[in-house]
PDB file of all heavy atoms in Angstrom:
ATOM      1  N   VAL A   1     110.091 -34.791 -61.935  1.00  0.00           N
ATOM      2  CA  VAL A   1     108.825 -34.071 -62.572  1.00  0.00           C
ATOM      3  C   VAL A   1     108.955 -32.549 -62.139  1.00  0.00           C
ATOM      4  O   VAL A   1     108.779 -32.167 -60.972  1.00  0.00           O
ATOM      5  CB  VAL A   1     107.626 -34.695 -61.961  1.00  0.00           C
ATOM      6  CG1 VAL A   1     106.396 -34.120 -62.558  1.00  0.00           C
ATOM      7  CG2 VAL A   1     107.553 -36.163 -62.246  1.00  0.00           C
ATOM      8  N   ILE A   2     109.352 -31.696 -63.112  1.00  0.00           N
ATOM      9  CA  ILE A   2     109.412 -30.366 -63.039  1.00  0.00           C
ATOM     10  C   ILE A   2     108.104 -29.669 -63.507  1.00  0.00           C
ATOM     11  O   ILE A   2     107.929 -29.675 -64.627  1.00  0.00           O
ATOM     12  CB  ILE A   2     110.655 -29.690 -63.671  1.00  0.00           C
ATOM     13  CG1 ILE A   2     111.867 -30.394 -63.182  1.00  0.00           C
ATOM     14  CG2 ILE A   2     110.750 -28.200 -63.375  1.00  0.00           C
ATOM     15  CD1 ILE A   2     113.163 -30.068 -63.833  1.00  0.00           C
ATOM     16  N   ARG A   3     107.304 -29.139 -62.551  1.00  0.00           N
ATOM     17  CA  ARG A   3     105.972 -28.641 -62.877  1.00  0.00           C
ATOM     18  C   ARG A   3     106.085 -27.338 -63.326  1.00  0.00           C
ATOM     19  O   ARG A   3     106.965 -26.464 -62.739  1.00  0.00           O
ATOM     20  CB  ARG A   3     105.019 -28.737 -61.773  1.00  0.00           C
ATOM     21  CG  ARG A   3     105.028 -30.158 -61.203  1.00  0.00           C
ATOM     22  CD  ARG A   3     103.922 -30.324 -60.004  1.00  0.00           C
ATOM     23  NE  ARG A   3     103.913 -29.352 -59.087  1.00  0.00           N
ATOM     24  CZ  ARG A   3     104.726 -29.087 -58.085  1.00  0.00           C
ATOM     25  NH1 ARG A   3     105.800 -30.012 -57.843  1.00  0.00           N
ATOM     26  NH2 ARG A   3     104.626 -28.038 -57.266  1.00  0.00           N
ATOM     27  N   ARG A   4     105.372 -26.769 -64.290  1.00  0.00           N
ATOM     28  CA  ARG A   4     105.326 -25.282 -64.580  1.00  0.00           C
ATOM     29  C   ARG A   4     104.707 -24.519 -63.612  1.00  0.00           C
ATOM     30  O   ARG A   4     105.203 -23.340 -63.399  1.00  0.00           O
ATOM     31  CB  ARG A   4     104.511 -25.086 -65.972  1.00  0.00           C
ATOM     32  CG  ARG A   4     105.272 -25.858 -67.211  1.00  0.00           C
ATOM     33  CD  ARG A   4     104.417 -25.761 -68.380  1.00  0.00           C
ATOM     34  NE  ARG A   4     104.952 -26.377 -69.590  1.00  0.00           N
ATOM     35  CZ  ARG A   4     104.367 -26.525 -70.738  1.00  0.00           C
ATOM     36  NH1 ARG A   4     103.133 -26.212 -70.900  1.00  0.00           N
ATOM     37  NH2 ARG A   4     104.973 -27.210 -71.688  1.00  0.00           N
ATOM     38  N   THR A   5     103.718 -24.924 -62.922  1.00  0.00           N
ATOM     39  CA  THR A   5     102.973 -24.208 -61.921  1.00  0.00           C
ATOM     40  C   THR A   5     102.805 -25.175 -60.681  1.00  0.00           C
ATOM     41  O   THR A   5     103.257 -26.396 -60.785  1.00  0.00           O
ATOM     42  CB  THR A   5     101.735 -23.606 -62.318  1.00  0.00           C
ATOM     43  OG1 THR A   5     100.740 -24.708 -62.736  1.00  0.00           O
ATOM     44  CG2 THR A   5     101.872 -22.823 -63.609  1.00  0.00           C
ATOM     45  N   GLU A   6     102.000 -24.722 -59.853  1.00  0.00           N
ATOM     46  CA  GLU A   6     101.624 -25.615 -58.743  1.00  0.00           C
ATOM     47  C   GLU A   6     100.879 -26.895 -59.103  1.00  0.00           C
ATOM     48  O   GLU A   6     100.988 -27.942 -58.675  1.00  0.00           O
ATOM     49  CB  GLU A   6     100.845 -24.913 -57.644  1.00  0.00           C
ATOM     50  CG  GLU A   6     101.674 -23.914 -56.767  1.00  0.00           C
ATOM     51  CD  GLU A   6     102.804 -24.579 -55.981  1.00  0.00           C
ATOM     52  OE1 GLU A   6     102.475 -25.689 -55.430  1.00  0.00           O
ATOM     53  OE2 GLU A   6     103.931 -24.131 -56.092  1.00  0.00           O
ATOM     54  N   LYS A   7     100.070 -26.670 -60.200  1.00  0.00           N
ATOM     55  CA  LYS A   7      99.165 -27.792 -60.658  1.00  0.00           C
ATOM     56  C   LYS A   7      99.852 -28.467 -61.845  1.00  0.00           C
ATOM     57  O   LYS A   7     100.246 -27.973 -62.713  1.00  0.00           O
ATOM     58  CB  LYS A   7      97.815 -27.109 -61.260  1.00  0.00           C
ATOM     59  CG  LYS A   7      97.038 -26.468 -60.265  1.00  0.00           C
ATOM     60  CD  LYS A   7      95.732 -25.973 -60.789  1.00  0.00           C
ATOM     61  CE  LYS A   7      95.747 -25.064 -61.966  1.00  0.00           C
ATOM     62  NZ  LYS A   7      94.470 -24.598 -62.423  1.00  0.00           N
ATOM     63  N   ILE A   8      99.891 -29.885 -61.668  1.00  0.00           N
ATOM     64  CA  ILE A   8     100.413 -30.694 -62.677  1.00  0.00           C
ATOM     65  C   ILE A   8      99.755 -30.683 -64.010  1.00  0.00           C
ATOM     66  O   ILE A   8     100.430 -30.820 -65.042  1.00  0.00           O
ATOM     67  CB  ILE A   8     100.538 -32.212 -62.123  1.00  0.00           C
ATOM     68  CG1 ILE A   8     101.318 -33.047 -63.047  1.00  0.00           C
ATOM     69  CG2 ILE A   8      99.113 -32.786 -61.985  1.00  0.00           C
ATOM     70  CD1 ILE A   8     102.794 -32.723 -63.155  1.00  0.00           C
ATOM     71  N   SER A   9      98.520 -30.338 -64.041  1.00  0.00           N
ATOM     72  CA  SER A   9      97.712 -30.217 -65.258  1.00  0.00           C
ATOM     73  C   SER A   9      98.155 -29.002 -66.105  1.00  0.00           C
ATOM     74  O   SER A   9      97.804 -29.026 -67.334  1.00  0.00           O
ATOM     75  CB  SER A   9      96.253 -30.027 -64.895  1.00  0.00           C
ATOM     76  OG  SER A   9      95.972 -28.922 -64.063  1.00  0.00           O
ATOM     77  N   ASP A  10      98.996 -28.146 -65.502  1.00  0.00           N
ATOM     78  CA  ASP A  10      99.411 -27.040 -66.385  1.00  0.00           C
ATOM     79  C   ASP A  10     100.684 -27.487 -67.139  1.00  0.00           C
ATOM     80  O   ASP A  10     101.265 -26.562 -67.914  1.00  0.00           O
ATOM     81  CB  ASP A  10      99.725 -25.780 -65.494  1.00  0.00           C
ATOM     82  CG  ASP A  10      98.567 -25.154 -64.942  1.00  0.00           C
ATOM     83  OD1 ASP A  10      97.409 -25.214 -65.694  1.00  0.00           O
ATOM     84  OD2 ASP A  10      98.574 -24.502 -63.827  1.00  0.00           O
ATOM     85  N   GLY A  11     101.030 -28.643 -67.065  1.00  0.00           N
ATOM     86  CA  GLY A  11     102.094 -29.218 -67.815  1.00  0.00           C
ATOM     87  C   GLY A  11     103.529 -29.273 -66.930  1.00  0.00           C
ATOM     88  O   GLY A  11     103.595 -28.833 -65.982  1.00  0.00           O
ATOM     89  N   CYS A  12     104.288 -30.148 -67.484  1.00  0.00           N
ATOM     90  CA  CYS A  12     105.572 -30.457 -66.729  1.00  0.00           C
ATOM     91  C   CYS A  12     106.650 -30.958 -67.723  1.00  0.00           C
ATOM     92  O   CYS A  12     106.364 -31.486 -68.748  1.00  0.00           O
ATOM     93  CB  CYS A  12     105.343 -31.491 -65.624  1.00  0.00           C
ATOM     94  SG  CYS A  12     104.711 -33.041 -66.255  1.00  0.00           S
ATOM     95  N   LYS A  13     107.933 -30.840 -67.253  1.00  0.00           N
ATOM     96  CA  LYS A  13     109.020 -31.405 -67.940  1.00  0.00           C
ATOM     97  C   LYS A  13     109.465 -32.643 -67.147  1.00  0.00           C
ATOM     98  O   LYS A  13     109.574 -32.515 -65.917  1.00  0.00           O
ATOM     99  CB  LYS A  13     110.079 -30.374 -68.016  1.00  0.00           C
ATOM    100  CG  LYS A  13     111.454 -31.024 -68.629  1.00  0.00           C
ATOM    101  CD  LYS A  13     112.511 -29.913 -68.728  1.00  0.00           C
ATOM    102  CE  LYS A  13     113.893 -30.415 -69.195  1.00  0.00           C
ATOM    103  NZ  LYS A  13     115.045 -29.468 -69.222  1.00  0.00           N
ATOM    104  N   LEU A  14     109.770 -33.739 -67.798  1.00  0.00           N
ATOM    105  CA  LEU A  14     110.287 -34.850 -67.133  1.00  0.00           C
ATOM    106  C   LEU A  14     111.737 -35.175 -67.515  1.00  0.00           C
ATOM    107  O   LEU A  14     112.101 -34.954 -68.612  1.00  0.00           O
ATOM    108  CB  LEU A  14     109.472 -36.170 -67.549  1.00  0.00           C
ATOM    109  CG  LEU A  14     107.955 -36.116 -67.288  1.00  0.00           C
ATOM    110  CD1 LEU A  14     107.296 -37.436 -67.770  1.00  0.00           C
ATOM    111  CD2 LEU A  14     107.465 -35.728 -65.903  1.00  0.00           C
ATOM    112  N   ILE A  15     112.630 -35.559 -66.536  1.00  0.00           N
ATOM    113  CA  ILE A  15     113.919 -35.925 -66.648  1.00  0.00           C
ATOM    114  C   ILE A  15     114.088 -37.377 -66.161  1.00  0.00           C
ATOM    115  O   ILE A  15     113.773 -37.622 -65.025  1.00  0.00           O
ATOM    116  CB  ILE A  15     114.935 -34.957 -65.924  1.00  0.00           C
ATOM    117  CG1 ILE A  15     114.703 -33.570 -66.505  1.00  0.00           C
ATOM    118  CG2 ILE A  15     116.361 -35.459 -66.158  1.00  0.00           C
ATOM    119  CD1 ILE A  15     115.478 -32.581 -65.751  1.00  0.00           C
ATOM    120  N   ALA A  16     114.439 -38.348 -67.021  1.00  0.00           N
ATOM    121  CA  ALA A  16     114.674 -39.620 -66.541  1.00  0.00           C
ATOM    122  C   ALA A  16     116.223 -40.028 -66.528  1.00  0.00           C
ATOM    123  O   ALA A  16     116.858 -39.852 -67.395  1.00  0.00           O
ATOM    124  CB  ALA A  16     114.014 -40.573 -67.515  1.00  0.00           C
ATOM    125  N   LEU A  17     116.553 -40.636 -65.318  1.00  0.00           N
ATOM    126  CA  LEU A  17     118.001 -40.902 -65.109  1.00  0.00           C
ATOM    127  C   LEU A  17     118.130 -42.318 -64.674  1.00  0.00           C
ATOM    128  O   LEU A  17     117.198 -42.915 -64.013  1.00  0.00           O
ATOM    129  CB  LEU A  17     118.608 -39.909 -64.118  1.00  0.00           C
ATOM    130  CG  LEU A  17     118.456 -38.455 -64.321  1.00  0.00           C
ATOM    131  CD1 LEU A  17     118.814 -37.759 -63.050  1.00  0.00           C
ATOM    132  CD2 LEU A  17     119.349 -37.980 -65.451  1.00  0.00           C
ATOM    133  N   SER A  18     119.197 -42.917 -64.793  1.00  0.00           N
ATOM    134  CA  SER A  18     119.497 -44.191 -64.229  1.00  0.00           C
ATOM    135  C   SER A  18     119.524 -43.997 -62.597  1.00  0.00           C
ATOM    136  O   SER A  18     120.095 -43.218 -62.071  1.00  0.00           O
ATOM    137  CB  SER A  18     120.895 -44.662 -64.728  1.00  0.00           C
ATOM    138  OG  SER A  18     121.317 -45.939 -64.139  1.00  0.00           O
ATOM    139  N   ASP A  19     118.834 -45.089 -62.051  1.00  0.00           N
ATOM    140  CA  ASP A  19     118.794 -45.056 -60.630  1.00  0.00           C
ATOM    141  C   ASP A  19     119.767 -46.125 -60.009  1.00  0.00           C
ATOM    142  O   ASP A  19     119.601 -46.450 -58.826  1.00  0.00           O
ATOM    143  CB  ASP A  19     117.435 -45.342 -60.219  1.00  0.00           C
ATOM    144  CG  ASP A  19     117.045 -44.968 -58.787  1.00  0.00           C
ATOM    145  OD1 ASP A  19     117.873 -44.073 -58.216  1.00  0.00           O
ATOM    146  OD2 ASP A  19     116.032 -45.301 -58.159  1.00  0.00           O
ATOM    147  N   LYS A  20     120.678 -46.678 -60.801  1.00  0.00           N
ATOM    148  CA  LYS A  20     121.549 -47.735 -60.272  1.00  0.00           C
ATOM    149  C   LYS A  20     122.545 -47.040 -59.445  1.00  0.00           C
ATOM    150  O   LYS A  20     123.004 -45.883 -59.628  1.00  0.00           O
ATOM    151  CB  LYS A  20     122.205 -48.395 -61.535  1.00  0.00           C
ATOM    152  CG  LYS A  20     121.221 -49.259 -62.355  1.00  0.00           C
ATOM    153  CD  LYS A  20     121.768 -49.815 -63.550  1.00  0.00           C
ATOM    154  CE  LYS A  20     122.714 -50.940 -63.159  1.00  0.00           C
ATOM    155  NZ  LYS A  20     123.260 -51.678 -64.338  1.00  0.00           N
ATOM    156  N   THR A  21     123.013 -47.830 -58.458  1.00  0.00           N
ATOM    157  CA  THR A  21     124.011 -47.275 -57.507  1.00  0.00           C
ATOM    158  C   THR A  21     125.224 -46.772 -58.158  1.00  0.00           C
ATOM    159  O   THR A  21     125.737 -45.679 -57.795  1.00  0.00           O
ATOM    160  CB  THR A  21     124.412 -48.435 -56.472  1.00  0.00           C
ATOM    161  OG1 THR A  21     123.239 -48.737 -55.745  1.00  0.00           O
ATOM    162  CG2 THR A  21     125.410 -47.919 -55.469  1.00  0.00           C
ATOM    163  N   GLY A  22     125.777 -47.382 -59.250  1.00  0.00           N
ATOM    164  CA  GLY A  22     126.925 -46.944 -59.813  1.00  0.00           C
ATOM    165  C   GLY A  22     126.795 -45.639 -60.612  1.00  0.00           C
ATOM    166  O   GLY A  22     127.749 -44.889 -60.861  1.00  0.00           O
ATOM    167  N   ASP A  23     125.525 -45.230 -60.964  1.00  0.00           N
ATOM    168  CA  ASP A  23     125.289 -44.076 -61.574  1.00  0.00           C
ATOM    169  C   ASP A  23     125.011 -42.904 -60.812  1.00  0.00           C
ATOM    170  O   ASP A  23     125.353 -41.761 -60.960  1.00  0.00           O
ATOM    171  CB  ASP A  23     124.195 -44.246 -62.715  1.00  0.00           C
ATOM    172  CG  ASP A  23     124.632 -45.288 -63.726  1.00  0.00           C
ATOM    173  OD1 ASP A  23     125.760 -45.211 -64.160  1.00  0.00           O
ATOM    174  OD2 ASP A  23     123.765 -46.090 -64.200  1.00  0.00           O
ATOM    175  N   PHE A  24     124.095 -43.158 -59.787  1.00  0.00           N
ATOM    176  CA  PHE A  24     123.649 -42.130 -58.873  1.00  0.00           C
ATOM    177  C   PHE A  24     123.435 -42.834 -57.533  1.00  0.00           C
ATOM    178  O   PHE A  24     122.305 -42.994 -57.061  1.00  0.00           O
ATOM    179  CB  PHE A  24     122.385 -41.485 -59.405  1.00  0.00           C
ATOM    180  CG  PHE A  24     121.880 -40.376 -58.476  1.00  0.00           C
ATOM    181  CD1 PHE A  24     122.647 -39.477 -57.786  1.00  0.00           C
ATOM    182  CD2 PHE A  24     120.440 -39.997 -58.427  1.00  0.00           C
ATOM    183  CE1 PHE A  24     122.344 -38.409 -57.026  1.00  0.00           C
ATOM    184  CE2 PHE A  24     120.051 -39.070 -57.680  1.00  0.00           C
ATOM    185  CZ  PHE A  24     120.913 -38.243 -57.048  1.00  0.00           C
ATOM    186  N   GLY A  25     124.535 -43.014 -56.867  1.00  0.00           N
ATOM    187  CA  GLY A  25     124.478 -43.699 -55.603  1.00  0.00           C
ATOM    188  C   GLY A  25     124.820 -42.874 -54.407  1.00  0.00           C
ATOM    189  O   GLY A  25     124.969 -41.657 -54.480  1.00  0.00           O
ATOM    190  N   PRO A  26     125.035 -43.499 -53.170  1.00  0.00           N
ATOM    191  CA  PRO A  26     125.500 -42.803 -52.063  1.00  0.00           C
ATOM    192  C   PRO A  26     126.796 -41.971 -52.215  1.00  0.00           C
ATOM    193  O   PRO A  26     127.694 -42.384 -52.905  1.00  0.00           O
ATOM    194  CB  PRO A  26     125.717 -43.864 -51.088  1.00  0.00           C
ATOM    195  CG  PRO A  26     124.855 -45.166 -51.482  1.00  0.00           C
ATOM    196  CD  PRO A  26     124.880 -44.998 -52.986  1.00  0.00           C
ATOM    197  N   GLY A  27     126.770 -40.822 -51.600  1.00  0.00           N
ATOM    198  CA  GLY A  27     127.954 -39.947 -51.687  1.00  0.00           C
ATOM    199  C   GLY A  27     127.812 -38.919 -52.852  1.00  0.00           C
ATOM    200  O   GLY A  27     128.691 -38.181 -53.117  1.00  0.00           O
ATOM    201  N   LYS A  28     126.795 -39.165 -53.833  1.00  0.00           N
ATOM    202  CA  LYS A  28     126.781 -38.383 -54.985  1.00  0.00           C
ATOM    203  C   LYS A  28     125.664 -37.313 -54.808  1.00  0.00           C
ATOM    204  O   LYS A  28     124.690 -37.461 -54.105  1.00  0.00           O
ATOM    205  CB  LYS A  28     126.511 -39.157 -56.168  1.00  0.00           C
ATOM    206  CG  LYS A  28     127.636 -40.156 -56.557  1.00  0.00           C
ATOM    207  CD  LYS A  28     127.483 -40.908 -57.772  1.00  0.00           C
ATOM    208  CE  LYS A  28     128.625 -41.894 -58.087  1.00  0.00           C
ATOM    209  NZ  LYS A  28     128.467 -42.554 -59.420  1.00  0.00           N
ATOM    210  N   MET A  29     125.726 -36.214 -55.654  1.00  0.00           N
ATOM    211  CA  MET A  29     124.885 -35.136 -55.698  1.00  0.00           C
ATOM    212  C   MET A  29     124.313 -34.958 -57.145  1.00  0.00           C
ATOM    213  O   MET A  29     125.080 -35.062 -57.978  1.00  0.00           O
ATOM    214  CB  MET A  29     125.395 -33.867 -55.299  1.00  0.00           C
ATOM    215  CG  MET A  29     125.854 -33.742 -53.788  1.00  0.00           C
ATOM    216  SD  MET A  29     126.479 -32.137 -53.413  1.00  0.00           S
ATOM    217  CE  MET A  29     125.052 -31.000 -53.716  1.00  0.00           C
ATOM    218  N   LEU A  30     123.017 -34.719 -57.378  1.00  0.00           N
ATOM    219  CA  LEU A  30     122.537 -34.312 -58.550  1.00  0.00           C
ATOM    220  C   LEU A  30     122.131 -32.773 -58.446  1.00  0.00           C
ATOM    221  O   LEU A  30     121.414 -32.442 -57.612  1.00  0.00           O
ATOM    222  CB  LEU A  30     121.286 -35.057 -58.950  1.00  0.00           C
ATOM    223  CG  LEU A  30     120.750 -34.907 -60.374  1.00  0.00           C
ATOM    224  CD1 LEU A  30     120.033 -36.093 -60.790  1.00  0.00           C
ATOM    225  CD2 LEU A  30     119.827 -33.639 -60.483  1.00  0.00           C
ATOM    226  N   LEU A  31     122.862 -31.883 -59.244  1.00  0.00           N
ATOM    227  CA  LEU A  31     122.595 -30.512 -59.216  1.00  0.00           C
ATOM    228  C   LEU A  31     121.631 -30.297 -60.471  1.00  0.00           C
ATOM    229  O   LEU A  31     122.091 -30.529 -61.548  1.00  0.00           O
ATOM    230  CB  LEU A  31     123.853 -29.632 -59.330  1.00  0.00           C
ATOM    231  CG  LEU A  31     124.810 -29.825 -58.145  1.00  0.00           C
ATOM    232  CD1 LEU A  31     126.086 -29.170 -58.462  1.00  0.00           C
ATOM    233  CD2 LEU A  31     124.141 -29.246 -56.961  1.00  0.00           C
ATOM    234  N   LEU A  32     120.457 -29.716 -60.237  1.00  0.00           N
ATOM    235  CA  LEU A  32     119.569 -29.356 -61.389  1.00  0.00           C
ATOM    236  C   LEU A  32     119.426 -27.889 -61.383  1.00  0.00           C
ATOM    237  O   LEU A  32     118.869 -27.316 -60.397  1.00  0.00           O
ATOM    238  CB  LEU A  32     118.388 -30.128 -61.238  1.00  0.00           C
ATOM    239  CG  LEU A  32     117.321 -30.090 -62.492  1.00  0.00           C
ATOM    240  CD1 LEU A  32     116.529 -31.401 -62.517  1.00  0.00           C
ATOM    241  CD2 LEU A  32     116.631 -28.950 -62.586  1.00  0.00           C
ATOM    242  N   ASN A  33     119.636 -27.296 -62.478  1.00  0.00           N
ATOM    243  CA  ASN A  33     119.494 -25.838 -62.623  1.00  0.00           C
ATOM    244  C   ASN A  33     118.177 -25.454 -63.060  1.00  0.00           C
ATOM    245  O   ASN A  33     117.858 -25.528 -64.377  1.00  0.00           O
ATOM    246  CB  ASN A  33     120.666 -25.207 -63.575  1.00  0.00           C
ATOM    247  CG  ASN A  33     120.593 -23.806 -63.760  1.00  0.00           C
ATOM    248  OD1 ASN A  33     119.915 -23.124 -63.094  1.00  0.00           O
ATOM    249  ND2 ASN A  33     121.347 -23.224 -64.609  1.00  0.00           N
ATOM    250  N   ALA A  34     117.281 -25.140 -62.208  1.00  0.00           N
ATOM    251  CA  ALA A  34     115.904 -24.748 -62.502  1.00  0.00           C
ATOM    252  C   ALA A  34     115.860 -23.099 -62.593  1.00  0.00           C
ATOM    253  O   ALA A  34     114.767 -22.622 -62.603  1.00  0.00           O
ATOM    254  CB  ALA A  34     114.876 -25.267 -61.518  1.00  0.00           C
ATOM    255  N   ALA A  35     116.924 -22.490 -62.571  1.00  0.00           N
ATOM    256  CA  ALA A  35     117.084 -21.027 -62.652  1.00  0.00           C
ATOM    257  C   ALA A  35     117.031 -20.563 -64.062  1.00  0.00           C
ATOM    258  O   ALA A  35     117.007 -21.409 -65.045  1.00  0.00           O
ATOM    259  CB  ALA A  35     118.236 -20.540 -61.868  1.00  0.00           C
ATOM    260  N   ASP A  36     116.939 -19.216 -64.242  1.00  0.00           N
ATOM    261  CA  ASP A  36     116.789 -18.794 -65.636  1.00  0.00           C
ATOM    262  C   ASP A  36     118.200 -18.276 -66.235  1.00  0.00           C
ATOM    263  O   ASP A  36     118.141 -17.649 -67.321  1.00  0.00           O
ATOM    264  CB  ASP A  36     115.845 -17.555 -65.615  1.00  0.00           C
ATOM    265  CG  ASP A  36     116.288 -16.412 -64.691  1.00  0.00           C
ATOM    266  OD1 ASP A  36     117.402 -16.502 -64.115  1.00  0.00           O
ATOM    267  OD2 ASP A  36     115.606 -15.431 -64.514  1.00  0.00           O
ATOM    268  N   LYS A  37     119.271 -18.706 -65.486  1.00  0.00           N
ATOM    269  CA  LYS A  37     120.502 -18.404 -66.149  1.00  0.00           C
ATOM    270  C   LYS A  37     121.554 -19.528 -65.840  1.00  0.00           C
ATOM    271  O   LYS A  37     121.290 -20.518 -64.991  1.00  0.00           O
ATOM    272  CB  LYS A  37     120.982 -17.151 -65.396  1.00  0.00           C
ATOM    273  CG  LYS A  37     120.960 -17.210 -63.955  1.00  0.00           C
ATOM    274  CD  LYS A  37     121.574 -16.008 -63.171  1.00  0.00           C
ATOM    275  CE  LYS A  37     120.559 -14.766 -63.400  1.00  0.00           C
ATOM    276  NZ  LYS A  37     119.381 -14.927 -62.640  1.00  0.00           N
ATOM    277  N   PRO A  38     122.570 -19.693 -66.617  1.00  0.00           N
ATOM    278  CA  PRO A  38     123.559 -20.630 -66.378  1.00  0.00           C
ATOM    279  C   PRO A  38     124.345 -20.528 -64.999  1.00  0.00           C
ATOM    280  O   PRO A  38     124.405 -19.368 -64.537  1.00  0.00           O
ATOM    281  CB  PRO A  38     124.751 -20.333 -67.526  1.00  0.00           C
ATOM    282  CG  PRO A  38     124.045 -19.575 -68.507  1.00  0.00           C
ATOM    283  CD  PRO A  38     122.977 -18.800 -67.841  1.00  0.00           C
ATOM    284  N   ILE A  39     124.648 -21.686 -64.377  1.00  0.00           N
ATOM    285  CA  ILE A  39     125.177 -21.876 -63.106  1.00  0.00           C
ATOM    286  C   ILE A  39     126.505 -22.538 -63.234  1.00  0.00           C
ATOM    287  O   ILE A  39     126.563 -23.576 -64.008  1.00  0.00           O
ATOM    288  CB  ILE A  39     124.263 -22.488 -62.079  1.00  0.00           C
ATOM    289  CG1 ILE A  39     123.061 -21.697 -61.998  1.00  0.00           C
ATOM    290  CG2 ILE A  39     124.951 -22.553 -60.725  1.00  0.00           C
ATOM    291  CD1 ILE A  39     123.099 -20.312 -61.402  1.00  0.00           C
ATOM    292  N   GLY A  40     127.574 -22.155 -62.495  1.00  0.00           N
ATOM    293  CA  GLY A  40     128.846 -22.849 -62.494  1.00  0.00           C
ATOM    294  C   GLY A  40     129.426 -22.839 -61.050  1.00  0.00           C
ATOM    295  O   GLY A  40     128.943 -22.076 -60.271  1.00  0.00           O
ATOM    296  N   GLY A  41     130.453 -23.550 -60.932  1.00  0.00           N
ATOM    297  CA  GLY A  41     131.169 -23.574 -59.651  1.00  0.00           C
ATOM    298  C   GLY A  41     132.026 -24.676 -59.319  1.00  0.00           C
ATOM    299  O   GLY A  41     132.381 -25.478 -60.164  1.00  0.00           O
ATOM    300  N   ILE A  42     132.305 -24.881 -58.034  1.00  0.00           N
ATOM    301  CA  ILE A  42     133.149 -25.910 -57.512  1.00  0.00           C
ATOM    302  C   ILE A  42     132.517 -26.539 -56.314  1.00  0.00           C
ATOM    303  O   ILE A  42     132.310 -25.772 -55.338  1.00  0.00           O
ATOM    304  CB  ILE A  42     134.636 -25.438 -57.263  1.00  0.00           C
ATOM    305  CG1 ILE A  42     135.360 -24.840 -58.436  1.00  0.00           C
ATOM    306  CG2 ILE A  42     135.515 -26.712 -56.829  1.00  0.00           C
ATOM    307  CD1 ILE A  42     136.643 -24.342 -58.181  1.00  0.00           C
ATOM    308  N   VAL A  43     132.221 -27.795 -56.340  1.00  0.00           N
ATOM    309  CA  VAL A  43     131.575 -28.485 -55.163  1.00  0.00           C
ATOM    310  C   VAL A  43     132.503 -29.676 -54.805  1.00  0.00           C
ATOM    311  O   VAL A  43     132.673 -30.681 -55.620  1.00  0.00           O
ATOM    312  CB  VAL A  43     130.142 -28.912 -55.560  1.00  0.00           C
ATOM    313  CG1 VAL A  43     129.582 -29.745 -54.362  1.00  0.00           C
ATOM    314  CG2 VAL A  43     129.297 -27.749 -55.766  1.00  0.00           C
ATOM    315  N   GLY A  44     133.107 -29.546 -53.615  1.00  0.00           N
ATOM    316  CA  GLY A  44     133.917 -30.747 -53.210  1.00  0.00           C
ATOM    317  C   GLY A  44     135.055 -31.003 -54.141  1.00  0.00           C
ATOM    318  O   GLY A  44     135.438 -32.217 -54.368  1.00  0.00           O
TER     319      GLY A  44
END
């Protein structure tokens, strides 16, 4: 739940993902770009 402001009543963006171990389990990272510009890099 990504809120526009501190108050949820001001609106939000929802992102739904699979929560199964094979999709997003131990040892994995979810990187979410909430910045105003594209992000890239190398992680592990």
